[in-house]
Amino acid sequence: MMSNLQQDTDEHGDRRRAQRYVVNLPTDVLIKGARVTCRLVDISEGGALVETSGPVAVGDKVSLDLPKVGPTIATVVRVSPSHIAMAFPGAIIISSIVR
């Protein structure tokens, strides 16, 4: 399920504190009380990127149903027409997801 280990960077250099793992897993995210089917694209101990669209804005709280972990509260940090990036309030143990 895990492809290559990848660490994201931006135009300012490496900005992530945790290693990001590329995955391709179906899941759901609860957005303003509505369950939305999505695809978990990548994950780290501190956040995740899902492929989906929904009525969210930066700063919104959502619940991401992480495979083999369960519902996890997250804060939306970036929104595009096809993806939602979110941060977890604390470190999440992701070893069961990326195996």
PDB file of N, CA and C in Angstrom:
ATOM      1  N   MET A   1       0.808  -1.192   0.000  1.00  0.00           N
ATOM      2  CA  MET A   1       0.000   0.000   0.000  1.00  0.00           C
ATOM      3  C   MET A   1       0.854   1.260   0.000  1.00  0.00           C
ATOM      4  N   MET A   2       2.023   1.162   0.557  1.00  0.00           N
ATOM      5  CA  MET A   2       2.868   2.335   0.596  1.00  0.00           C
ATOM      6  C   MET A   2       3.741   2.362  -0.642  1.00  0.00           C
ATOM      7  N   SER A   3       3.812   3.511  -1.280  1.00  0.00           N
ATOM      8  CA  SER A   3       4.777   3.656  -2.358  1.00  0.00           C
ATOM      9  C   SER A   3       6.014   4.310  -1.782  1.00  0.00           C
ATOM     10  N   ASN A   4       6.734   5.014  -2.551  1.00  0.00           N
ATOM     11  CA  ASN A   4       7.983   5.607  -2.096  1.00  0.00           C
ATOM     12  C   ASN A   4       7.759   6.618  -0.988  1.00  0.00           C
ATOM     13  N   LEU A   5       8.688   6.613  -0.044  1.00  0.00           N
ATOM     14  CA  LEU A   5       8.689   7.619   1.005  1.00  0.00           C
ATOM     15  C   LEU A   5       9.017   8.948   0.371  1.00  0.00           C
ATOM     16  N   GLN A   6       8.302   9.959   0.747  1.00  0.00           N
ATOM     17  CA  GLN A   6       8.476  11.257   0.113  1.00  0.00           C
ATOM     18  C   GLN A   6       8.397  12.345   1.163  1.00  0.00           C
ATOM     19  N   GLN A   7       9.232  13.331   1.059  1.00  0.00           N
ATOM     20  CA  GLN A   7       9.169  14.471   1.958  1.00  0.00           C
ATOM     21  C   GLN A   7       8.876  15.700   1.120  1.00  0.00           C
ATOM     22  N   ASP A   8       7.777  16.407   1.423  1.00  0.00           N
ATOM     23  CA  ASP A   8       7.360  17.560   0.644  1.00  0.00           C
ATOM     24  C   ASP A   8       8.206  18.779   0.964  1.00  0.00           C
ATOM     25  N   THR A   9       8.453  19.570  -0.068  1.00  0.00           N
ATOM     26  CA  THR A   9       9.105  20.853   0.110  1.00  0.00           C
ATOM     27  C   THR A   9       8.339  21.877  -0.694  1.00  0.00           C
ATOM     28  N   ASP A  10       8.585  23.133  -0.418  1.00  0.00           N
ATOM     29  CA  ASP A  10       7.964  24.191  -1.200  1.00  0.00           C
ATOM     30  C   ASP A  10       9.048  25.137  -1.687  1.00  0.00           C
ATOM     31  N   GLU A  11       8.670  26.264  -2.238  1.00  0.00           N
ATOM     32  CA  GLU A  11       9.639  27.199  -2.782  1.00  0.00           C
ATOM     33  C   GLU A  11      10.559  27.786  -1.726  1.00  0.00           C
ATOM     34  N   HIS A  12      10.219  27.614  -0.443  1.00  0.00           N
ATOM     35  CA  HIS A  12      11.040  28.118   0.651  1.00  0.00           C
ATOM     36  C   HIS A  12      11.916  27.028   1.253  1.00  0.00           C
ATOM     37  N   GLY A  13      11.930  25.849   0.640  1.00  0.00           N
ATOM     38  CA  GLY A  13      12.700  24.724   1.166  1.00  0.00           C
ATOM     39  C   GLY A  13      11.815  23.797   1.976  1.00  0.00           C
ATOM     40  N   ASP A  14      12.438  22.897   2.689  1.00  0.00           N
ATOM     41  CA  ASP A  14      11.701  21.895   3.460  1.00  0.00           C
ATOM     42  C   ASP A  14      10.959  22.565   4.601  1.00  0.00           C
ATOM     43  N   ARG A  15       9.642  22.424   4.635  1.00  0.00           N
ATOM     44  CA  ARG A  15       8.844  23.061   5.672  1.00  0.00           C
ATOM     45  C   ARG A  15       8.119  22.055   6.547  1.00  0.00           C
ATOM     46  N   ARG A  16       8.210  20.798   6.229  1.00  0.00           N
ATOM     47  CA  ARG A  16       7.510  19.779   7.004  1.00  0.00           C
ATOM     48  C   ARG A  16       8.448  19.193   8.049  1.00  0.00           C
ATOM     49  N   ARG A  17       7.898  18.944   9.225  1.00  0.00           N
ATOM     50  CA  ARG A  17       8.695  18.371  10.305  1.00  0.00           C
ATOM     51  C   ARG A  17       8.651  16.845  10.290  1.00  0.00           C
ATOM     52  N   ALA A  18       7.616  16.278   9.690  1.00  0.00           N
ATOM     53  CA  ALA A  18       7.452  14.825   9.691  1.00  0.00           C
ATOM     54  C   ALA A  18       7.518  14.289   8.267  1.00  0.00           C
ATOM     55  N   GLN A  19       8.040  13.096   8.121  1.00  0.00           N
ATOM     56  CA  GLN A  19       8.098  12.449   6.816  1.00  0.00           C
ATOM     57  C   GLN A  19       6.679  12.176   6.325  1.00  0.00           C
ATOM     58  N   ARG A  20       6.463  12.408   5.060  1.00  0.00           N
ATOM     59  CA  ARG A  20       5.156  12.215   4.443  1.00  0.00           C
ATOM     60  C   ARG A  20       5.209  10.953   3.601  1.00  0.00           C
ATOM     61  N   TYR A  21       4.201  10.083   3.769  1.00  0.00           N
ATOM     62  CA  TYR A  21       4.134   8.812   3.057  1.00  0.00           C
ATOM     63  C   TYR A  21       3.029   8.881   2.004  1.00  0.00           C
ATOM     64  N   VAL A  22       3.359   8.509   0.796  1.00  0.00           N
ATOM     65  CA  VAL A  22       2.384   8.470  -0.285  1.00  0.00           C
ATOM     66  C   VAL A  22       1.585   7.184  -0.141  1.00  0.00           C
ATOM     67  N   VAL A  23       0.262   7.325  -0.074  1.00  0.00           N
ATOM     68  CA  VAL A  23      -0.648   6.178   0.014  1.00  0.00           C
ATOM     69  C   VAL A  23      -1.768   6.396  -0.996  1.00  0.00           C
ATOM     70  N   ASN A  24      -2.599   5.406  -1.175  1.00  0.00           N
ATOM     71  CA  ASN A  24      -3.727   5.525  -2.091  1.00  0.00           C
ATOM     72  C   ASN A  24      -4.850   4.681  -1.496  1.00  0.00           C
ATOM     73  N   LEU A  25      -5.533   5.238  -0.507  1.00  0.00           N
ATOM     74  CA  LEU A  25      -6.514   4.476   0.258  1.00  0.00           C
ATOM     75  C   LEU A  25      -7.869   5.171   0.284  1.00  0.00           C
ATOM     76  N   PRO A  26      -8.941   4.410   0.087  1.00  0.00           N
ATOM     77  CA  PRO A  26     -10.275   5.003   0.219  1.00  0.00           C
ATOM     78  C   PRO A  26     -10.582   5.274   1.683  1.00  0.00           C
ATOM     79  N   THR A  27     -11.312   6.352   1.934  1.00  0.00           N
ATOM     80  CA  THR A  27     -11.728   6.688   3.294  1.00  0.00           C
ATOM     81  C   THR A  27     -12.873   7.688   3.225  1.00  0.00           C
ATOM     82  N   ASP A  28     -13.252   8.218   4.364  1.00  0.00           N
ATOM     83  CA  ASP A  28     -14.308   9.228   4.454  1.00  0.00           C
ATOM     84  C   ASP A  28     -13.818  10.372   5.311  1.00  0.00           C
ATOM     85  N   VAL A  29     -14.384  11.544   5.043  1.00  0.00           N
ATOM     86  CA  VAL A  29     -14.124  12.702   5.888  1.00  0.00           C
ATOM     87  C   VAL A  29     -15.479  13.311   6.237  1.00  0.00           C
ATOM     88  N   LEU A  30     -15.652  13.655   7.490  1.00  0.00           N
ATOM     89  CA  LEU A  30     -16.888  14.281   7.950  1.00  0.00           C
ATOM     90  C   LEU A  30     -16.697  15.787   7.879  1.00  0.00           C
ATOM     91  N   ILE A  31     -17.455  16.434   6.970  1.00  0.00           N
ATOM     92  CA  ILE A  31     -17.348  17.873   6.738  1.00  0.00           C
ATOM     93  C   ILE A  31     -18.679  18.513   7.096  1.00  0.00           C
ATOM     94  N   LYS A  32     -18.676  19.320   8.145  1.00  0.00           N
ATOM     95  CA  LYS A  32     -19.892  20.020   8.585  1.00  0.00           C
ATOM     96  C   LYS A  32     -21.078  19.068   8.716  1.00  0.00           C
ATOM     97  N   GLY A  33     -20.833  17.894   9.301  1.00  0.00           N
ATOM     98  CA  GLY A  33     -21.878  16.918   9.546  1.00  0.00           C
ATOM     99  C   GLY A  33     -22.196  15.989   8.388  1.00  0.00           C
ATOM    100  N   ALA A  34     -21.590  16.207   7.226  1.00  0.00           N
ATOM    101  CA  ALA A  34     -21.847  15.362   6.059  1.00  0.00           C
ATOM    102  C   ALA A  34     -20.644  14.458   5.798  1.00  0.00           C
ATOM    103  N   ARG A  35     -20.925  13.168   5.628  1.00  0.00           N
ATOM    104  CA  ARG A  35     -19.862  12.209   5.323  1.00  0.00           C
ATOM    105  C   ARG A  35     -19.572  12.255   3.832  1.00  0.00           C
ATOM    106  N   VAL A  36     -18.292  12.513   3.489  1.00  0.00           N
ATOM    107  CA  VAL A  36     -17.872  12.638   2.097  1.00  0.00           C
ATOM    108  C   VAL A  36     -16.831  11.558   1.808  1.00  0.00           C
ATOM    109  N   THR A  37     -17.059  10.768   0.770  1.00  0.00           N
ATOM    110  CA  THR A  37     -16.103   9.756   0.355  1.00  0.00           C
ATOM    111  C   THR A  37     -14.903  10.443  -0.267  1.00  0.00           C
ATOM    112  N   CYS A  38     -13.713   9.968   0.074  1.00  0.00           N
ATOM    113  CA  CYS A  38     -12.503  10.577  -0.461  1.00  0.00           C
ATOM    114  C   CYS A  38     -11.416   9.530  -0.610  1.00  0.00           C
ATOM    115  N   ARG A  39     -10.273   9.960  -1.060  1.00  0.00           N
ATOM    116  CA  ARG A  39      -9.105   9.102  -1.200  1.00  0.00           C
ATOM    117  C   ARG A  39      -7.954   9.752  -0.438  1.00  0.00           C
ATOM    118  N   LEU A  40      -7.368   8.997   0.481  1.00  0.00           N
ATOM    119  CA  LEU A  40      -6.208   9.461   1.237  1.00  0.00           C
ATOM    120  C   LEU A  40      -5.002   9.386   0.304  1.00  0.00           C
ATOM    121  N   VAL A  41      -4.421  10.536  -0.011  1.00  0.00           N
ATOM    122  CA  VAL A  41      -3.321  10.629  -0.975  1.00  0.00           C
ATOM    123  C   VAL A  41      -1.974  10.466  -0.285  1.00  0.00           C
ATOM    124  N   ASP A  42      -1.775  11.212   0.800  1.00  0.00           N
ATOM    125  CA  ASP A  42      -0.546  11.066   1.583  1.00  0.00           C
ATOM    126  C   ASP A  42      -0.822  11.414   3.032  1.00  0.00           C
ATOM    127  N   ILE A  43       0.109  10.979   3.893  1.00  0.00           N
ATOM    128  CA  ILE A  43      -0.086  11.168   5.328  1.00  0.00           C
ATOM    129  C   ILE A  43       1.259  11.267   6.019  1.00  0.00           C
ATOM    130  N   SER A  44       1.274  12.007   7.114  1.00  0.00           N
ATOM    131  CA  SER A  44       2.428  12.067   8.006  1.00  0.00           C
ATOM    132  C   SER A  44       1.878  12.031   9.422  1.00  0.00           C
ATOM    133  N   GLU A  45       2.749  12.052  10.399  1.00  0.00           N
ATOM    134  CA  GLU A  45       2.294  12.091  11.788  1.00  0.00           C
ATOM    135  C   GLU A  45       1.546  13.381  12.080  1.00  0.00           C
ATOM    136  N   GLY A  46       1.767  14.415  11.276  1.00  0.00           N
ATOM    137  CA  GLY A  46       1.172  15.719  11.552  1.00  0.00           C
ATOM    138  C   GLY A  46       0.062  16.168  10.639  1.00  0.00           C
ATOM    139  N   GLY A  47      -0.245  15.394   9.587  1.00  0.00           N
ATOM    140  CA  GLY A  47      -1.299  15.834   8.679  1.00  0.00           C
ATOM    141  C   GLY A  47      -1.527  14.875   7.531  1.00  0.00           C
ATOM    142  N   ALA A  48      -2.455  15.260   6.657  1.00  0.00           N
ATOM    143  CA  ALA A  48      -2.818  14.398   5.542  1.00  0.00           C
ATOM    144  C   ALA A  48      -3.334  15.233   4.380  1.00  0.00           C
ATOM    145  N   LEU A  49      -3.299  14.619   3.201  1.00  0.00           N
ATOM    146  CA  LEU A  49      -3.880  15.199   2.005  1.00  0.00           C
ATOM    147  C   LEU A  49      -4.887  14.205   1.466  1.00  0.00           C
ATOM    148  N   VAL A  50      -6.119  14.678   1.219  1.00  0.00           N
ATOM    149  CA  VAL A  50      -7.151  13.818   0.650  1.00  0.00           C
ATOM    150  C   VAL A  50      -7.631  14.401  -0.675  1.00  0.00           C
ATOM    151  N   GLU A  51      -7.983  13.487  -1.568  1.00  0.00           N
ATOM    152  CA  GLU A  51      -8.538  13.898  -2.847  1.00  0.00           C
ATOM    153  C   GLU A  51     -10.053  13.875  -2.720  1.00  0.00           C
ATOM    154  N   THR A  52     -10.642  15.039  -2.690  1.00  0.00           N
ATOM    155  CA  THR A  52     -12.086  15.197  -2.608  1.00  0.00           C
ATOM    156  C   THR A  52     -12.393  16.687  -2.697  1.00  0.00           C
ATOM    157  N   SER A  53     -13.639  16.976  -2.869  1.00  0.00           N
ATOM    158  CA  SER A  53     -14.070  18.365  -2.782  1.00  0.00           C
ATOM    159  C   SER A  53     -15.187  18.417  -1.756  1.00  0.00           C
ATOM    160  N   GLY A  54     -15.342  19.518  -1.155  1.00  0.00           N
ATOM    161  CA  GLY A  54     -16.384  19.654  -0.146  1.00  0.00           C
ATOM    162  C   GLY A  54     -16.489  21.095   0.290  1.00  0.00           C
ATOM    163  N   PRO A  55     -17.532  21.403   1.003  1.00  0.00           N
ATOM    164  CA  PRO A  55     -17.751  22.788   1.444  1.00  0.00           C
ATOM    165  C   PRO A  55     -16.884  23.127   2.659  1.00  0.00           C
ATOM    166  N   VAL A  56     -15.567  23.257   2.442  1.00  0.00           N
ATOM    167  CA  VAL A  56     -14.660  23.561   3.552  1.00  0.00           C
ATOM    168  C   VAL A  56     -13.867  24.828   3.261  1.00  0.00           C
ATOM    169  N   ALA A  57     -13.350  25.402   4.324  1.00  0.00           N
ATOM    170  CA  ALA A  57     -12.479  26.568   4.229  1.00  0.00           C
ATOM    171  C   ALA A  57     -11.299  26.346   5.166  1.00  0.00           C
ATOM    172  N   VAL A  58     -10.222  27.019   4.895  1.00  0.00           N
ATOM    173  CA  VAL A  58      -9.057  26.947   5.766  1.00  0.00           C
ATOM    174  C   VAL A  58      -9.491  27.327   7.176  1.00  0.00           C
ATOM    175  N   GLY A  59      -9.080  26.510   8.139  1.00  0.00           N
ATOM    176  CA  GLY A  59      -9.437  26.729   9.537  1.00  0.00           C
ATOM    177  C   GLY A  59     -10.578  25.862  10.030  1.00  0.00           C
ATOM    178  N   ASP A  60     -11.358  25.285   9.109  1.00  0.00           N
ATOM    179  CA  ASP A  60     -12.469  24.405   9.504  1.00  0.00           C
ATOM    180  C   ASP A  60     -11.937  23.140  10.173  1.00  0.00           C
ATOM    181  N   LYS A  61     -12.692  22.622  11.129  1.00  0.00           N
ATOM    182  CA  LYS A  61     -12.398  21.340  11.762  1.00  0.00           C
ATOM    183  C   LYS A  61     -13.175  20.257  11.022  1.00  0.00           C
ATOM    184  N   VAL A  62     -12.499  19.128  10.727  1.00  0.00           N
ATOM    185  CA  VAL A  62     -13.121  17.991  10.071  1.00  0.00           C
ATOM    186  C   VAL A  62     -12.728  16.743  10.836  1.00  0.00           C
ATOM    187  N   SER A  63     -13.399  15.637  10.530  1.00  0.00           N
ATOM    188  CA  SER A  63     -13.039  14.351  11.106  1.00  0.00           C
ATOM    189  C   SER A  63     -12.679  13.412   9.956  1.00  0.00           C
ATOM    190  N   LEU A  64     -11.415  13.015   9.907  1.00  0.00           N
ATOM    191  CA  LEU A  64     -10.929  12.119   8.867  1.00  0.00           C
ATOM    192  C   LEU A  64     -10.918  10.708   9.432  1.00  0.00           C
ATOM    193  N   ASP A  65     -11.581   9.782   8.750  1.00  0.00           N
ATOM    194  CA  ASP A  65     -11.623   8.387   9.184  1.00  0.00           C
ATOM    195  C   ASP A  65     -10.394   7.678   8.623  1.00  0.00           C
ATOM    196  N   LEU A  66      -9.339   7.622   9.421  1.00  0.00           N
ATOM    197  CA  LEU A  66      -8.086   7.027   8.969  1.00  0.00           C
ATOM    198  C   LEU A  66      -8.180   5.507   8.971  1.00  0.00           C
ATOM    199  N   PRO A  67      -7.820   4.860   7.868  1.00  0.00           N
ATOM    200  CA  PRO A  67      -7.849   3.403   7.811  1.00  0.00           C
ATOM    201  C   PRO A  67      -7.009   2.791   8.930  1.00  0.00           C
ATOM    202  N   LYS A  68      -7.547   1.803   9.620  1.00  0.00           N
ATOM    203  CA  LYS A  68      -6.893   1.067  10.708  1.00  0.00           C
ATOM    204  C   LYS A  68      -6.608   1.922  11.947  1.00  0.00           C
ATOM    205  N   VAL A  69      -7.026   3.189  11.943  1.00  0.00           N
ATOM    206  CA  VAL A  69      -6.823   4.073  13.097  1.00  0.00           C
ATOM    207  C   VAL A  69      -8.169   4.542  13.630  1.00  0.00           C
ATOM    208  N   GLY A  70      -9.035   5.016  12.721  1.00  0.00           N
ATOM    209  CA  GLY A  70     -10.351   5.493  13.101  1.00  0.00           C
ATOM    210  C   GLY A  70     -10.478   6.993  12.916  1.00  0.00           C
ATOM    211  N   PRO A  71     -11.603   7.550  13.360  1.00  0.00           N
ATOM    212  CA  PRO A  71     -11.852   8.988  13.193  1.00  0.00           C
ATOM    213  C   PRO A  71     -10.802   9.828  13.913  1.00  0.00           C
ATOM    214  N   THR A  72     -10.307  10.836  13.209  1.00  0.00           N
ATOM    215  CA  THR A  72      -9.270  11.716  13.730  1.00  0.00           C
ATOM    216  C   THR A  72      -9.631  13.155  13.398  1.00  0.00           C
ATOM    217  N   ILE A  73      -9.675  13.997  14.400  1.00  0.00           N
ATOM    218  CA  ILE A  73      -9.986  15.410  14.181  1.00  0.00           C
ATOM    219  C   ILE A  73      -8.785  16.085  13.522  1.00  0.00           C
ATOM    220  N   ALA A  74      -9.069  16.956  12.563  1.00  0.00           N
ATOM    221  CA  ALA A  74      -8.014  17.685  11.854  1.00  0.00           C
ATOM    222  C   ALA A  74      -8.512  19.088  11.516  1.00  0.00           C
ATOM    223  N   THR A  75      -7.579  19.973  11.258  1.00  0.00           N
ATOM    224  CA  THR A  75      -7.881  21.336  10.842  1.00  0.00           C
ATOM    225  C   THR A  75      -7.478  21.508   9.391  1.00  0.00           C
ATOM    226  N   VAL A  76      -8.366  22.047   8.577  1.00  0.00           N
ATOM    227  CA  VAL A  76      -8.088  22.272   7.161  1.00  0.00           C
ATOM    228  C   VAL A  76      -7.048  23.392   7.046  1.00  0.00           C
ATOM    229  N   VAL A  77      -5.957  23.110   6.310  1.00  0.00           N
ATOM    230  CA  VAL A  77      -4.900  24.106   6.144  1.00  0.00           C
ATOM    231  C   VAL A  77      -4.762  24.593   4.702  1.00  0.00           C
ATOM    232  N   ARG A  78      -5.320  23.841   3.744  1.00  0.00           N
ATOM    233  CA  ARG A  78      -5.266  24.246   2.344  1.00  0.00           C
ATOM    234  C   ARG A  78      -6.395  23.552   1.597  1.00  0.00           C
ATOM    235  N   VAL A  79      -7.015  24.281   0.668  1.00  0.00           N
ATOM    236  CA  VAL A  79      -8.116  23.736  -0.124  1.00  0.00           C
ATOM    237  C   VAL A  79      -7.859  24.055  -1.592  1.00  0.00           C
ATOM    238  N   SER A  80      -8.032  23.058  -2.448  1.00  0.00           N
ATOM    239  CA  SER A  80      -7.997  23.274  -3.897  1.00  0.00           C
ATOM    240  C   SER A  80      -9.284  22.669  -4.456  1.00  0.00           C
ATOM    241  N   PRO A  81      -9.564  22.840  -5.734  1.00  0.00           N
ATOM    242  CA  PRO A  81     -10.797  22.254  -6.276  1.00  0.00           C
ATOM    243  C   PRO A  81     -10.883  20.731  -6.124  1.00  0.00           C
ATOM    244  N   SER A  82      -9.743  20.057  -6.010  1.00  0.00           N
ATOM    245  CA  SER A  82      -9.776  18.599  -5.948  1.00  0.00           C
ATOM    246  C   SER A  82      -9.156  17.989  -4.689  1.00  0.00           C
ATOM    247  N   HIS A  83      -8.538  18.800  -3.820  1.00  0.00           N
ATOM    248  CA  HIS A  83      -7.849  18.263  -2.649  1.00  0.00           C
ATOM    249  C   HIS A  83      -8.072  19.134  -1.413  1.00  0.00           C
ATOM    250  N   ILE A  84      -7.976  18.474  -0.261  1.00  0.00           N
ATOM    251  CA  ILE A  84      -8.021  19.152   1.026  1.00  0.00           C
ATOM    252  C   ILE A  84      -6.802  18.698   1.823  1.00  0.00           C
ATOM    253  N   ALA A  85      -5.995  19.660   2.265  1.00  0.00           N
ATOM    254  CA  ALA A  85      -4.861  19.362   3.138  1.00  0.00           C
ATOM    255  C   ALA A  85      -5.270  19.701   4.559  1.00  0.00           C
ATOM    256  N   MET A  86      -4.894  18.835   5.481  1.00  0.00           N
ATOM    257  CA  MET A  86      -5.292  19.037   6.867  1.00  0.00           C
ATOM    258  C   MET A  86      -4.150  18.717   7.815  1.00  0.00           C
ATOM    259  N   ALA A  87      -4.183  19.350   8.983  1.00  0.00           N
ATOM    260  CA  ALA A  87      -3.186  19.131  10.025  1.00  0.00           C
ATOM    261  C   ALA A  87      -3.861  18.513  11.234  1.00  0.00           C
ATOM    262  N   PHE A  88      -3.157  17.584  11.872  1.00  0.00           N
ATOM    263  CA  PHE A  88      -3.652  16.964  13.095  1.00  0.00           C
ATOM    264  C   PHE A  88      -3.179  17.793  14.282  1.00  0.00           C
ATOM    265  N   PRO A  89      -3.976  17.849  15.367  1.00  0.00           N
ATOM    266  CA  PRO A  89      -3.579  18.651  16.522  1.00  0.00           C
ATOM    267  C   PRO A  89      -2.393  18.077  17.277  1.00  0.00           C
ATOM    268  N   GLY A  90      -2.134  16.801  17.127  1.00  0.00           N
ATOM    269  CA  GLY A  90      -0.997  16.130  17.756  1.00  0.00           C
ATOM    270  C   GLY A  90      -0.492  15.064  16.817  1.00  0.00           C
ATOM    271  N   ALA A  91       0.574  14.397  17.186  1.00  0.00           N
ATOM    272  CA  ALA A  91       1.140  13.355  16.336  1.00  0.00           C
ATOM    273  C   ALA A  91       0.209  12.140  16.301  1.00  0.00           C
ATOM    274  N   ILE A  92       0.027  11.599  15.122  1.00  0.00           N
ATOM    275  CA  ILE A  92      -0.779  10.404  14.920  1.00  0.00           C
ATOM    276  C   ILE A  92       0.161   9.252  14.623  1.00  0.00           C
ATOM    277  N   ILE A  93      -0.085   8.097  15.220  1.00  0.00           N
ATOM    278  CA  ILE A  93       0.714   6.913  14.937  1.00  0.00           C
ATOM    279  C   ILE A  93       0.199   6.341  13.620  1.00  0.00           C
ATOM    280  N   ILE A  94       1.027   6.388  12.580  1.00  0.00           N
ATOM    281  CA  ILE A  94       0.563   6.015  11.244  1.00  0.00           C
ATOM    282  C   ILE A  94       1.157   4.707  10.745  1.00  0.00           C
ATOM    283  N   SER A  95       1.911   4.000  11.569  1.00  0.00           N
ATOM    284  CA  SER A  95       2.597   2.785  11.107  1.00  0.00           C
ATOM    285  C   SER A  95       1.622   1.742  10.554  1.00  0.00           C
ATOM    286  N   SER A  96       0.424   1.641  11.099  1.00  0.00           N
ATOM    287  CA  SER A  96      -0.529   0.655  10.590  1.00  0.00           C
ATOM    288  C   SER A  96      -1.110   1.065   9.234  1.00  0.00           C
ATOM    289  N   ILE A  97      -1.024   2.331   8.885  1.00  0.00           N
ATOM    290  CA  ILE A  97      -1.566   2.826   7.613  1.00  0.00           C
ATOM    291  C   ILE A  97      -0.556   2.640   6.491  1.00  0.00           C
ATOM    292  N   VAL A  98       0.710   2.858   6.763  1.00  0.00           N
ATOM    293  CA  VAL A  98       1.722   2.876   5.702  1.00  0.00           C
ATOM    294  C   VAL A  98       2.438   1.559   5.493  1.00  0.00           C
ATOM    295  N   ARG A  99       2.051   0.513   6.182  1.00  0.00           N
ATOM    296  CA  ARG A  99       2.689  -0.805   5.996  1.00  0.00           C
ATOM    297  C   ARG A  99       2.275  -1.413   4.702  1.00  0.00           C
TER     298      ARG A  99
END
